[in-house]
Full PDB file with SEQRES, HELIX, SHEET, SSBOND, CRYST1, ORIGX, SCALE, CONECT and MASTER records, all heavy atoms in Angstrom:
SEQRES   1 A   33  LEU GLU LYS ASP GLY SER ALA THR VAL GLU ASP ASP GLY          
SEQRES   2 A   33  ARG GLY ILE PRO VAL ASP MET HIS LYS LYS GLY VAL SER          
SEQRES   3 A   33  ALA ALA ARG LEU VAL PHE SER                                  
HELIX    1 AA1 ALA A   27  PHE A   32  1                                   6    
CRYST1    1.000    1.000    1.000  90.00  90.00  90.00 P 1           1          
ORIGX1      1.000000  0.000000  0.000000        0.00000                         
ORIGX2      0.000000  1.000000  0.000000        0.00000                         
ORIGX3      0.000000  0.000000  1.000000        0.00000                         
SCALE1      1.000000  0.000000  0.000000        0.00000                         
SCALE2      0.000000  1.000000  0.000000        0.00000                         
SCALE3      0.000000  0.000000  1.000000        0.00000                         
ATOM      1  N   LEU A   1       5.747 -85.736 -43.398  1.00  0.00           N  
ATOM      2  CA  LEU A   1       6.127 -86.054 -42.023  1.00  0.00           C  
ATOM      3  C   LEU A   1       7.008 -84.914 -41.538  1.00  0.00           C  
ATOM      4  O   LEU A   1       8.122 -84.733 -42.024  1.00  0.00           O  
ATOM      5  CB  LEU A   1       6.876 -87.399 -41.968  1.00  0.00           C  
ATOM      6  CG  LEU A   1       6.128 -88.604 -42.560  1.00  0.00           C  
ATOM      7  CD1 LEU A   1       6.936 -89.886 -42.348  1.00  0.00           C  
ATOM      8  CD2 LEU A   1       4.738 -88.745 -41.960  1.00  0.00           C  
ATOM      9  N   GLU A   2       6.485 -84.130 -40.603  1.00  0.00           N  
ATOM     10  CA  GLU A   2       7.151 -82.895 -40.187  1.00  0.00           C  
ATOM     11  C   GLU A   2       8.276 -83.151 -39.186  1.00  0.00           C  
ATOM     12  O   GLU A   2       8.336 -84.198 -38.543  1.00  0.00           O  
ATOM     13  CB  GLU A   2       6.119 -81.945 -39.567  1.00  0.00           C  
ATOM     14  CG  GLU A   2       4.891 -81.680 -40.427  1.00  0.00           C  
ATOM     15  CD  GLU A   2       5.166 -80.760 -41.613  1.00  0.00           C  
ATOM     16  OE1 GLU A   2       6.317 -80.304 -41.746  1.00  0.00           O  
ATOM     17  OE2 GLU A   2       4.229 -80.496 -42.397  1.00  0.00           O  
ATOM     18  N   LYS A   3       9.161 -82.166 -39.051  1.00  0.00           N  
ATOM     19  CA  LYS A   3      10.306 -82.275 -38.143  1.00  0.00           C  
ATOM     20  C   LYS A   3       9.873 -82.474 -36.694  1.00  0.00           C  
ATOM     21  O   LYS A   3      10.561 -83.145 -35.916  1.00  0.00           O  
ATOM     22  CB  LYS A   3      11.176 -81.018 -38.245  1.00  0.00           C  
ATOM     23  CG  LYS A   3      11.981 -80.908 -39.532  1.00  0.00           C  
ATOM     24  CD  LYS A   3      12.872 -79.668 -39.512  1.00  0.00           C  
ATOM     25  CE  LYS A   3      13.711 -79.576 -40.784  1.00  0.00           C  
ATOM     26  NZ  LYS A   3      14.586 -78.375 -40.778  1.00  0.00           N  
ATOM     27  N   ASP A   4       8.730 -81.889 -36.312  1.00  0.00           N  
ATOM     28  CA  ASP A   4       8.307 -81.957 -34.913  1.00  0.00           C  
ATOM     29  C   ASP A   4       7.547 -83.233 -34.569  1.00  0.00           C  
ATOM     30  O   ASP A   4       7.023 -83.375 -33.462  1.00  0.00           O  
ATOM     31  CB  ASP A   4       7.448 -80.739 -34.561  1.00  0.00           C  
ATOM     32  CG  ASP A   4       6.140 -80.687 -35.375  1.00  0.00           C  
ATOM     33  OD1 ASP A   4       5.933 -81.562 -36.232  1.00  0.00           O  
ATOM     34  OD2 ASP A   4       5.349 -79.750 -35.138  1.00  0.00           O  
ATOM     35  N   GLY A   5       7.481 -84.196 -35.512  1.00  0.00           N  
ATOM     36  CA  GLY A   5       6.791 -85.458 -35.260  1.00  0.00           C  
ATOM     37  C   GLY A   5       5.341 -85.465 -35.692  1.00  0.00           C  
ATOM     38  O   GLY A   5       4.667 -86.492 -35.589  1.00  0.00           O  
ATOM     39  N   SER A   6       4.848 -84.335 -36.167  1.00  0.00           N  
ATOM     40  CA  SER A   6       3.468 -84.279 -36.655  1.00  0.00           C  
ATOM     41  C   SER A   6       3.407 -84.718 -38.112  1.00  0.00           C  
ATOM     42  O   SER A   6       4.437 -84.960 -38.751  1.00  0.00           O  
ATOM     43  CB  SER A   6       2.907 -82.868 -36.505  1.00  0.00           C  
ATOM     44  OG  SER A   6       3.583 -81.962 -37.378  1.00  0.00           O  
ATOM     45  N   ALA A   7       2.200 -84.828 -38.631  1.00  0.00           N  
ATOM     46  CA  ALA A   7       1.998 -85.178 -40.043  1.00  0.00           C  
ATOM     47  C   ALA A   7       1.018 -84.188 -40.655  1.00  0.00           C  
ATOM     48  O   ALA A   7       0.080 -83.721 -39.997  1.00  0.00           O  
ATOM     49  CB  ALA A   7       1.460 -86.598 -40.183  1.00  0.00           C  
ATOM     50  N   THR A   8       1.246 -83.880 -41.925  1.00  0.00           N  
ATOM     51  CA  THR A   8       0.361 -82.975 -42.658  1.00  0.00           C  
ATOM     52  C   THR A   8      -0.154 -83.679 -43.902  1.00  0.00           C  
ATOM     53  O   THR A   8       0.628 -84.273 -44.653  1.00  0.00           O  
ATOM     54  CB  THR A   8       1.093 -81.682 -43.072  1.00  0.00           C  
ATOM     55  OG1 THR A   8       1.616 -81.042 -41.909  1.00  0.00           O  
ATOM     56  CG2 THR A   8       0.148 -80.738 -43.797  1.00  0.00           C  
ATOM     57  N   VAL A   9      -1.454 -83.608 -44.103  1.00  0.00           N  
ATOM     58  CA  VAL A   9      -2.072 -84.156 -45.310  1.00  0.00           C  
ATOM     59  C   VAL A   9      -2.879 -83.033 -45.968  1.00  0.00           C  
ATOM     60  O   VAL A   9      -3.753 -82.425 -45.331  1.00  0.00           O  
ATOM     61  CB  VAL A   9      -2.999 -85.344 -44.999  1.00  0.00           C  
ATOM     62  CG1 VAL A   9      -3.660 -85.852 -46.290  1.00  0.00           C  
ATOM     63  CG2 VAL A   9      -2.229 -86.464 -44.315  1.00  0.00           C  
ATOM     64  N   GLU A  10      -2.570 -82.731 -47.223  1.00  0.00           N  
ATOM     65  CA  GLU A  10      -3.257 -81.666 -47.957  1.00  0.00           C  
ATOM     66  C   GLU A  10      -3.735 -82.207 -49.291  1.00  0.00           C  
ATOM     67  O   GLU A  10      -3.066 -83.046 -49.906  1.00  0.00           O  
ATOM     68  CB  GLU A  10      -2.314 -80.478 -48.177  1.00  0.00           C  
ATOM     69  CG  GLU A  10      -2.955 -79.311 -48.912  1.00  0.00           C  
ATOM     70  CD  GLU A  10      -2.017 -78.127 -49.081  1.00  0.00           C  
ATOM     71  OE1 GLU A  10      -0.883 -78.183 -48.553  1.00  0.00           O  
ATOM     72  OE2 GLU A  10      -2.406 -77.165 -49.764  1.00  0.00           O  
ATOM     73  N   ASP A  11      -4.893 -81.744 -49.738  1.00  0.00           N  
ATOM     74  CA  ASP A  11      -5.388 -82.141 -51.052  1.00  0.00           C  
ATOM     75  C   ASP A  11      -5.940 -80.930 -51.791  1.00  0.00           C  
ATOM     76  O   ASP A  11      -6.078 -79.848 -51.224  1.00  0.00           O  
ATOM     77  CB  ASP A  11      -6.445 -83.250 -50.936  1.00  0.00           C  
ATOM     78  CG  ASP A  11      -7.726 -82.791 -50.250  1.00  0.00           C  
ATOM     79  OD1 ASP A  11      -8.247 -81.716 -50.583  1.00  0.00           O  
ATOM     80  OD2 ASP A  11      -8.223 -83.511 -49.363  1.00  0.00           O  
ATOM     81  N   ASP A  12      -6.236 -81.126 -53.071  1.00  0.00           N  
ATOM     82  CA  ASP A  12      -6.824 -80.051 -53.875  1.00  0.00           C  
ATOM     83  C   ASP A  12      -8.260 -80.395 -54.263  1.00  0.00           C  
ATOM     84  O   ASP A  12      -8.703 -80.124 -55.369  1.00  0.00           O  
ATOM     85  CB  ASP A  12      -5.970 -79.761 -55.117  1.00  0.00           C  
ATOM     86  CG  ASP A  12      -5.798 -80.979 -56.013  1.00  0.00           C  
ATOM     87  OD1 ASP A  12      -6.328 -82.066 -55.670  1.00  0.00           O  
ATOM     88  OD2 ASP A  12      -5.133 -80.858 -57.055  1.00  0.00           O  
ATOM     89  N   GLY A  13      -8.973 -80.998 -53.314  1.00  0.00           N  
ATOM     90  CA  GLY A  13     -10.384 -81.300 -53.532  1.00  0.00           C  
ATOM     91  C   GLY A  13     -11.257 -80.075 -53.339  1.00  0.00           C  
ATOM     92  O   GLY A  13     -10.796 -78.937 -53.420  1.00  0.00           O  
ATOM     93  N   ARG A  14     -12.516 -80.327 -53.041  1.00  0.00           N  
ATOM     94  CA  ARG A  14     -13.467 -79.217 -52.926  1.00  0.00           C  
ATOM     95  C   ARG A  14     -13.324 -78.437 -51.621  1.00  0.00           C  
ATOM     96  O   ARG A  14     -13.818 -77.324 -51.501  1.00  0.00           O  
ATOM     97  CB  ARG A  14     -14.900 -79.758 -53.024  1.00  0.00           C  
ATOM     98  CG  ARG A  14     -15.278 -80.252 -54.389  1.00  0.00           C  
ATOM     99  CD  ARG A  14     -16.598 -81.004 -54.363  1.00  0.00           C  
ATOM    100  NE  ARG A  14     -16.482 -82.299 -53.690  1.00  0.00           N  
ATOM    101  CZ  ARG A  14     -17.481 -83.176 -53.605  1.00  0.00           C  
ATOM    102  NH1 ARG A  14     -18.660 -82.882 -54.111  1.00  0.00           N  
ATOM    103  NH2 ARG A  14     -17.291 -84.333 -52.995  1.00  0.00           N  
ATOM    104  N   GLY A  15     -12.649 -79.053 -50.640  1.00  0.00           N  
ATOM    105  CA  GLY A  15     -12.604 -78.442 -49.312  1.00  0.00           C  
ATOM    106  C   GLY A  15     -13.811 -78.875 -48.504  1.00  0.00           C  
ATOM    107  O   GLY A  15     -14.938 -78.917 -49.025  1.00  0.00           O  
ATOM    108  N   ILE A  16     -13.589 -79.200 -47.228  1.00  0.00           N  
ATOM    109  CA  ILE A  16     -14.704 -79.622 -46.381  1.00  0.00           C  
ATOM    110  C   ILE A  16     -15.722 -78.481 -46.283  1.00  0.00           C  
ATOM    111  O   ILE A  16     -15.338 -77.323 -46.106  1.00  0.00           O  
ATOM    112  CB  ILE A  16     -14.179 -80.002 -44.979  1.00  0.00           C  
ATOM    113  CG1 ILE A  16     -13.228 -81.199 -45.090  1.00  0.00           C  
ATOM    114  CG2 ILE A  16     -15.326 -80.333 -44.030  1.00  0.00           C  
ATOM    115  CD1 ILE A  16     -12.500 -81.514 -43.814  1.00  0.00           C  
ATOM    116  N   PRO A  17     -17.002 -78.779 -46.382  1.00  0.00           N  
ATOM    117  CA  PRO A  17     -18.017 -77.721 -46.289  1.00  0.00           C  
ATOM    118  C   PRO A  17     -17.898 -76.938 -44.979  1.00  0.00           C  
ATOM    119  O   PRO A  17     -17.722 -77.529 -43.912  1.00  0.00           O  
ATOM    120  CB  PRO A  17     -19.341 -78.484 -46.353  1.00  0.00           C  
ATOM    121  CG  PRO A  17     -19.005 -79.732 -47.105  1.00  0.00           C  
ATOM    122  CD  PRO A  17     -17.604 -80.085 -46.694  1.00  0.00           C  
ATOM    123  N   VAL A  18     -17.978 -75.620 -45.078  1.00  0.00           N  
ATOM    124  CA  VAL A  18     -17.842 -74.765 -43.896  1.00  0.00           C  
ATOM    125  C   VAL A  18     -19.143 -74.026 -43.563  1.00  0.00           C  
ATOM    126  O   VAL A  18     -19.224 -73.347 -42.533  1.00  0.00           O  
ATOM    127  CB  VAL A  18     -16.711 -73.723 -44.099  1.00  0.00           C  
ATOM    128  CG1 VAL A  18     -15.371 -74.406 -44.217  1.00  0.00           C  
ATOM    129  CG2 VAL A  18     -16.994 -72.852 -45.326  1.00  0.00           C  
ATOM    130  N   ASP A  19     -20.148 -74.173 -44.419  1.00  0.00           N  
ATOM    131  CA  ASP A  19     -21.382 -73.433 -44.195  1.00  0.00           C  
ATOM    132  C   ASP A  19     -22.133 -73.962 -42.975  1.00  0.00           C  
ATOM    133  O   ASP A  19     -21.799 -75.000 -42.420  1.00  0.00           O  
ATOM    134  CB  ASP A  19     -22.271 -73.484 -45.449  1.00  0.00           C  
ATOM    135  CG  ASP A  19     -22.465 -74.906 -45.959  1.00  0.00           C  
ATOM    136  OD1 ASP A  19     -21.478 -75.671 -45.979  1.00  0.00           O  
ATOM    137  OD2 ASP A  19     -23.593 -75.257 -46.316  1.00  0.00           O  
ATOM    138  N   MET A  20     -23.148 -73.246 -42.576  1.00  0.00           N  
ATOM    139  CA  MET A  20     -23.893 -73.555 -41.365  1.00  0.00           C  
ATOM    140  C   MET A  20     -24.715 -74.828 -41.521  1.00  0.00           C  
ATOM    141  O   MET A  20     -25.485 -74.983 -42.461  1.00  0.00           O  
ATOM    142  CB  MET A  20     -24.828 -72.384 -41.006  1.00  0.00           C  
ATOM    143  CG  MET A  20     -25.514 -72.555 -39.663  1.00  0.00           C  
ATOM    144  SD  MET A  20     -24.363 -72.405 -38.282  1.00  0.00           S  
ATOM    145  CE  MET A  20     -24.045 -70.638 -38.324  1.00  0.00           C  
ATOM    146  N   HIS A  21     -24.524 -75.747 -40.575  1.00  0.00           N  
ATOM    147  CA  HIS A  21     -25.308 -76.977 -40.550  1.00  0.00           C  
ATOM    148  C   HIS A  21     -26.621 -76.717 -39.815  1.00  0.00           C  
ATOM    149  O   HIS A  21     -26.739 -75.742 -39.055  1.00  0.00           O  
ATOM    150  CB  HIS A  21     -24.499 -78.083 -39.851  1.00  0.00           C  
ATOM    151  CG  HIS A  21     -25.083 -79.452 -40.007  1.00  0.00           C  
ATOM    152  ND1 HIS A  21     -25.997 -79.984 -39.113  1.00  0.00           N  
ATOM    153  CD2 HIS A  21     -24.892 -80.401 -40.956  1.00  0.00           C  
ATOM    154  CE1 HIS A  21     -26.320 -81.205 -39.509  1.00  0.00           C  
ATOM    155  NE2 HIS A  21     -25.667 -81.498 -40.623  1.00  0.00           N  
ATOM    156  N   LYS A  22     -27.593 -77.568 -40.021  1.00  0.00           N  
ATOM    157  CA  LYS A  22     -28.887 -77.385 -39.358  1.00  0.00           C  
ATOM    158  C   LYS A  22     -28.791 -77.485 -37.839  1.00  0.00           C  
ATOM    159  O   LYS A  22     -29.703 -77.053 -37.121  1.00  0.00           O  
ATOM    160  CB  LYS A  22     -29.895 -78.405 -39.889  1.00  0.00           C  
ATOM    161  CG  LYS A  22     -29.509 -79.860 -39.702  1.00  0.00           C  
ATOM    162  CD  LYS A  22     -30.497 -80.784 -40.390  1.00  0.00           C  
ATOM    163  CE  LYS A  22     -30.085 -82.243 -40.278  1.00  0.00           C  
ATOM    164  NZ  LYS A  22     -31.010 -83.135 -41.003  1.00  0.00           N  
ATOM    165  N   LYS A  23     -27.660 -78.035 -37.327  1.00  0.00           N  
ATOM    166  CA  LYS A  23     -27.469 -78.093 -35.888  1.00  0.00           C  
ATOM    167  C   LYS A  23     -26.941 -76.775 -35.328  1.00  0.00           C  
ATOM    168  O   LYS A  23     -26.624 -76.662 -34.137  1.00  0.00           O  
ATOM    169  CB  LYS A  23     -26.523 -79.237 -35.529  1.00  0.00           C  
ATOM    170  CG  LYS A  23     -27.134 -80.627 -35.722  1.00  0.00           C  
ATOM    171  CD  LYS A  23     -26.231 -81.711 -35.172  1.00  0.00           C  
ATOM    172  CE  LYS A  23     -26.906 -83.082 -35.248  1.00  0.00           C  
ATOM    173  NZ  LYS A  23     -28.036 -83.201 -34.297  1.00  0.00           N  
ATOM    174  N   GLY A  24     -26.822 -75.749 -36.185  1.00  0.00           N  
ATOM    175  CA  GLY A  24     -26.444 -74.435 -35.717  1.00  0.00           C  
ATOM    176  C   GLY A  24     -24.953 -74.217 -35.565  1.00  0.00           C  
ATOM    177  O   GLY A  24     -24.533 -73.330 -34.810  1.00  0.00           O  
ATOM    178  N   VAL A  25     -24.145 -75.016 -36.265  1.00  0.00           N  
ATOM    179  CA  VAL A  25     -22.693 -74.890 -36.183  1.00  0.00           C  
ATOM    180  C   VAL A  25     -22.107 -75.220 -37.548  1.00  0.00           C  
ATOM    181  O   VAL A  25     -22.748 -75.915 -38.352  1.00  0.00           O  
ATOM    182  CB  VAL A  25     -22.125 -75.837 -35.082  1.00  0.00           C  
ATOM    183  CG1 VAL A  25     -22.307 -77.293 -35.485  1.00  0.00           C  
ATOM    184  CG2 VAL A  25     -20.672 -75.539 -34.782  1.00  0.00           C  
ATOM    185  N   SER A  26     -20.905 -74.734 -37.825  1.00  0.00           N  
ATOM    186  CA  SER A  26     -20.259 -75.011 -39.108  1.00  0.00           C  
ATOM    187  C   SER A  26     -20.144 -76.512 -39.345  1.00  0.00           C  
ATOM    188  O   SER A  26     -19.810 -77.272 -38.438  1.00  0.00           O  
ATOM    189  CB  SER A  26     -18.866 -74.369 -39.139  1.00  0.00           C  
ATOM    190  OG  SER A  26     -18.159 -74.773 -40.295  1.00  0.00           O  
ATOM    191  N   ALA A  27     -20.423 -76.930 -40.574  1.00  0.00           N  
ATOM    192  CA  ALA A  27     -20.362 -78.355 -40.904  1.00  0.00           C  
ATOM    193  C   ALA A  27     -18.974 -78.927 -40.637  1.00  0.00           C  
ATOM    194  O   ALA A  27     -18.831 -80.072 -40.185  1.00  0.00           O  
ATOM    195  CB  ALA A  27     -20.746 -78.563 -42.372  1.00  0.00           C  
ATOM    196  N   ALA A  28     -17.928 -78.125 -40.898  1.00  0.00           N  
ATOM    197  CA  ALA A  28     -16.564 -78.604 -40.678  1.00  0.00           C  
ATOM    198  C   ALA A  28     -16.320 -78.925 -39.202  1.00  0.00           C  
ATOM    199  O   ALA A  28     -15.645 -79.908 -38.872  1.00  0.00           O  
ATOM    200  CB  ALA A  28     -15.555 -77.572 -41.166  1.00  0.00           C  
ATOM    201  N   ARG A  29     -16.862 -78.113 -38.312  1.00  0.00           N  
ATOM    202  CA  ARG A  29     -16.693 -78.381 -36.874  1.00  0.00           C  
ATOM    203  C   ARG A  29     -17.334 -79.717 -36.498  1.00  0.00           C  
ATOM    204  O   ARG A  29     -16.797 -80.486 -35.705  1.00  0.00           O  
ATOM    205  CB  ARG A  29     -17.288 -77.224 -36.064  1.00  0.00           C  
ATOM    206  CG  ARG A  29     -17.327 -77.404 -34.562  1.00  0.00           C  
ATOM    207  CD  ARG A  29     -15.938 -77.584 -33.938  1.00  0.00           C  
ATOM    208  NE  ARG A  29     -15.032 -76.482 -34.100  1.00  0.00           N  
ATOM    209  CZ  ARG A  29     -14.909 -75.447 -33.264  1.00  0.00           C  
ATOM    210  NH1 ARG A  29     -15.694 -75.363 -32.204  1.00  0.00           N  
ATOM    211  NH2 ARG A  29     -14.000 -74.509 -33.486  1.00  0.00           N  
ATOM    212  N   LEU A  30     -18.470 -80.016 -37.088  1.00  0.00           N  
ATOM    213  CA  LEU A  30     -19.124 -81.306 -36.827  1.00  0.00           C  
ATOM    214  C   LEU A  30     -18.271 -82.465 -37.320  1.00  0.00           C  
ATOM    215  O   LEU A  30     -18.162 -83.499 -36.649  1.00  0.00           O  
ATOM    216  CB  LEU A  30     -20.494 -81.345 -37.511  1.00  0.00           C  
ATOM    217  CG  LEU A  30     -21.611 -80.506 -36.891  1.00  0.00           C  
ATOM    218  CD1 LEU A  30     -22.863 -80.627 -37.741  1.00  0.00           C  
ATOM    219  CD2 LEU A  30     -21.890 -80.962 -35.464  1.00  0.00           C  
ATOM    220  N   VAL A  31     -17.664 -82.305 -38.500  1.00  0.00           N  
ATOM    221  CA  VAL A  31     -16.854 -83.376 -39.082  1.00  0.00           C  
ATOM    222  C   VAL A  31     -15.712 -83.772 -38.155  1.00  0.00           C  
ATOM    223  O   VAL A  31     -15.415 -84.963 -37.972  1.00  0.00           O  
ATOM    224  CB  VAL A  31     -16.296 -82.942 -40.454  1.00  0.00           C  
ATOM    225  CG1 VAL A  31     -15.192 -83.897 -40.917  1.00  0.00           C  
ATOM    226  CG2 VAL A  31     -17.406 -82.885 -41.485  1.00  0.00           C  
ATOM    227  N   PHE A  32     -15.082 -82.783 -37.515  1.00  0.00           N  
ATOM    228  CA  PHE A  32     -13.900 -83.070 -36.704  1.00  0.00           C  
ATOM    229  C   PHE A  32     -14.201 -83.334 -35.228  1.00  0.00           C  
ATOM    230  O   PHE A  32     -13.333 -83.825 -34.515  1.00  0.00           O  
ATOM    231  CB  PHE A  32     -12.900 -81.916 -36.817  1.00  0.00           C  
ATOM    232  CG  PHE A  32     -12.220 -81.851 -38.148  1.00  0.00           C  
ATOM    233  CD1 PHE A  32     -12.647 -80.962 -39.121  1.00  0.00           C  
ATOM    234  CD2 PHE A  32     -11.162 -82.699 -38.441  1.00  0.00           C  
ATOM    235  CE1 PHE A  32     -12.027 -80.910 -40.360  1.00  0.00           C  
ATOM    236  CE2 PHE A  32     -10.542 -82.652 -39.674  1.00  0.00           C  
ATOM    237  CZ  PHE A  32     -10.972 -81.757 -40.640  1.00  0.00           C  
ATOM    238  N   SER A  33     -15.400 -83.018 -34.787  1.00  0.00           N  
ATOM    239  CA  SER A  33     -15.680 -83.148 -33.364  1.00  0.00           C  
ATOM    240  C   SER A  33     -16.793 -84.125 -33.032  1.00  0.00           C  
ATOM    241  O   SER A  33     -17.083 -84.367 -31.868  1.00  0.00           O  
ATOM    242  CB  SER A  33     -16.037 -81.768 -32.777  1.00  0.00           C  
ATOM    243  OG  SER A  33     -17.197 -81.242 -33.396  1.00  0.00           O  
TER     244      SER A  33                                                      
MASTER        0    0    0    1    0    0    0    6  243    1    0    3          
END                                                                             
C-alpha cells in the first residue's frame, strides 16, 4: 500500500505473455483492456 494511495502487487510467476496475439496486438494489452 503506497504512500500516494495506490497499491502495488508483484509476483515471481511466468509474467503475462507479451507476444503477438492473433488479433494483431500484444497479448498483455488484451488482458488489461
